[in-house]
Amino acid sequence: PAECAVFHCLGCWTVLGDSLQLCAPEASQLDFLACFKVTSDVVWEDSLLVGLEGPLLGCAYKGLFCRSCGLSVGFILYSAASDLAHLRGLFCFFKNSIVCYLLENQMIIEASKVDFPAVTLKE
């Protein structure tokens, strides 16, 4: 498919996931990609963090990191307000922490410049 991509860590190019497990959220203010599954090179903290500002204000989440270089690449929501509740338990990658390898044209591009088809999660 034209939209197939592999997600790599911006710091060390380790493969973190792919677009076959992707669900593009409607919450565009967060600037992230949400996935159902990730590779074993994505690790998360044991303890919960609480958002003190911005779009994650009041949300409880665990940080996601690249196993190879330790770069913070995203989060997993555990508790959230109703507008983000449909994202609980998903792996959310910060677009500014990953790059995408587009399979169709064999290009590497910043994740923030890629538009994937939206998937409705709220239902």
Protein backbone atom coordinates (compact mmCIF):
# COMPACT_ATOMS: atom_id res chain seq x y z
CA PRO A 1 0.00 0.00 0.00
CA ALA A 2 1.03 3.55 -0.71
CA GLU A 3 0.93 4.65 2.95
CA CYS A 4 3.17 1.85 4.34
CA ALA A 5 6.04 3.15 6.46
CA VAL A 6 8.51 1.96 9.08
CA PHE A 7 9.03 4.21 12.12
CA HIS A 8 12.62 4.76 13.25
CA CYS A 9 14.11 6.47 16.31
CA LEU A 10 15.40 9.92 15.37
CA GLY A 11 18.47 9.43 17.59
CA CYS A 12 19.83 6.10 16.36
CA TRP A 13 17.55 4.85 13.55
CA THR A 14 16.37 1.79 15.50
CA VAL A 15 13.07 0.40 14.17
CA LEU A 16 10.26 1.21 16.63
CA GLY A 17 7.14 0.24 14.72
CA ASP A 18 5.30 0.46 11.42
CA SER A 19 2.21 1.96 9.85
CA LEU A 20 0.38 -1.41 9.72
CA GLN A 21 -0.17 -0.99 13.48
CA LEU A 22 -0.97 2.73 13.17
CA CYS A 23 -4.10 4.57 14.10
CA ALA A 24 -3.83 8.29 13.40
CA PRO A 25 -5.58 10.12 16.25
CA GLU A 26 -8.02 12.95 15.82
CA ALA A 27 -6.25 14.88 18.62
CA SER A 28 -3.93 16.84 16.33
CA GLN A 29 -2.84 19.25 19.10
CA LEU A 30 -0.66 16.45 20.52
CA ASP A 31 1.34 15.93 17.30
CA PHE A 32 1.86 12.20 17.72
CA LEU A 33 1.18 8.86 16.05
CA ALA A 34 -0.69 6.19 18.03
CA CYS A 35 0.05 2.50 17.40
CA PHE A 36 -1.47 -0.77 18.59
CA LYS A 37 1.93 -2.56 18.66
CA VAL A 38 5.61 -1.60 18.72
CA THR A 39 8.90 -3.50 18.45
CA SER A 40 10.81 -4.85 21.43
CA ASP A 41 13.18 -1.89 21.05
CA VAL A 42 10.55 0.35 22.65
CA VAL A 43 10.68 0.30 26.46
CA TRP A 44 8.63 2.18 29.05
CA GLU A 45 9.09 3.43 32.58
CA ASP A 46 7.71 1.43 35.51
CA SER A 47 6.28 4.47 37.27
CA LEU A 48 3.40 6.66 36.15
CA LEU A 49 3.91 10.33 35.38
CA VAL A 50 1.24 13.04 35.58
CA GLY A 51 0.97 15.79 32.99
CA LEU A 52 1.30 19.20 34.65
CA GLU A 53 0.79 21.36 31.56
CA GLY A 54 -0.13 21.32 27.91
CA PRO A 55 -2.39 18.77 26.19
CA LEU A 56 -1.53 16.01 28.72
CA LEU A 57 -2.57 18.15 31.71
CA GLY A 58 -4.00 15.86 34.37
CA CYS A 59 -3.28 12.68 32.40
CA ALA A 60 -1.42 9.73 33.91
CA TYR A 61 1.03 8.09 31.50
CA LYS A 62 4.26 6.12 31.18
CA GLY A 63 7.11 7.45 29.06
CA LEU A 64 8.32 5.47 26.04
CA PHE A 65 12.03 5.27 25.22
CA CYS A 66 14.27 3.79 22.54
CA ARG A 67 16.07 0.78 24.04
CA SER A 68 19.18 1.47 21.95
CA CYS A 69 19.89 5.14 22.65
CA GLY A 70 17.46 6.08 25.47
CA LEU A 71 15.71 8.86 23.51
CA SER A 72 12.22 9.72 24.79
CA VAL A 73 9.98 8.74 21.87
CA GLY A 74 6.46 8.95 23.33
CA PHE A 75 4.04 7.75 25.99
CA ILE A 76 1.28 5.29 26.92
CA LEU A 77 -1.82 6.92 28.42
CA TYR A 78 -3.29 5.23 31.51
CA SER A 79 -5.75 7.84 32.68
CA ALA A 80 -7.06 10.75 30.64
CA ALA A 81 -9.90 13.20 30.23
CA SER A 82 -12.81 12.08 28.04
CA ASP A 83 -11.40 13.71 24.89
CA LEU A 84 -8.28 11.49 25.05
CA ALA A 85 -9.76 8.41 26.79
CA HIS A 86 -9.96 6.47 23.51
CA LEU A 87 -6.13 6.51 23.36
CA ARG A 88 -5.58 4.71 26.68
CA GLY A 89 -3.22 1.77 26.35
CA LEU A 90 -1.95 2.73 22.89
CA PHE A 91 1.70 3.45 22.11
CA CYS A 92 1.91 7.14 21.17
CA PHE A 93 5.07 8.28 19.35
CA PHE A 94 6.04 11.96 19.35
CA LYS A 95 6.31 12.97 15.69
CA ASN A 96 9.42 15.04 16.46
CA SER A 97 11.20 11.96 17.92
CA ILE A 98 10.82 9.61 14.95
CA VAL A 99 11.43 9.47 11.22
CA CYS A 100 9.49 7.43 8.67
CA TYR A 101 10.90 5.20 5.95
CA LEU A 102 8.24 5.21 3.22
CA LEU A 103 8.28 1.82 1.50
CA GLU A 104 6.64 2.80 -1.78
CA ASN A 105 9.17 5.48 -2.79
CA GLN A 106 12.03 4.38 -0.48
CA MET A 107 12.37 7.79 1.17
CA ILE A 108 13.15 8.80 4.73
CA ILE A 109 11.05 11.74 5.92
CA GLU A 110 10.29 13.48 9.21
CA ALA A 111 7.13 12.04 10.78
CA SER A 112 5.67 15.53 11.17
CA LYS A 113 5.60 15.85 7.36
CA VAL A 114 3.71 12.60 6.72
CA ASP A 115 -0.09 12.47 6.58
CA PHE A 116 -1.48 9.00 7.25
CA PRO A 117 -5.15 8.17 6.70
CA ALA A 118 -7.22 8.74 9.84
CA VAL A 119 -8.66 5.83 11.79
CA THR A 120 -11.57 6.47 14.15
CA LEU A 121 -10.79 5.12 17.62
CA LYS A 122 -13.57 6.68 19.66
CA GLU A 123 -16.01 3.94 18.62
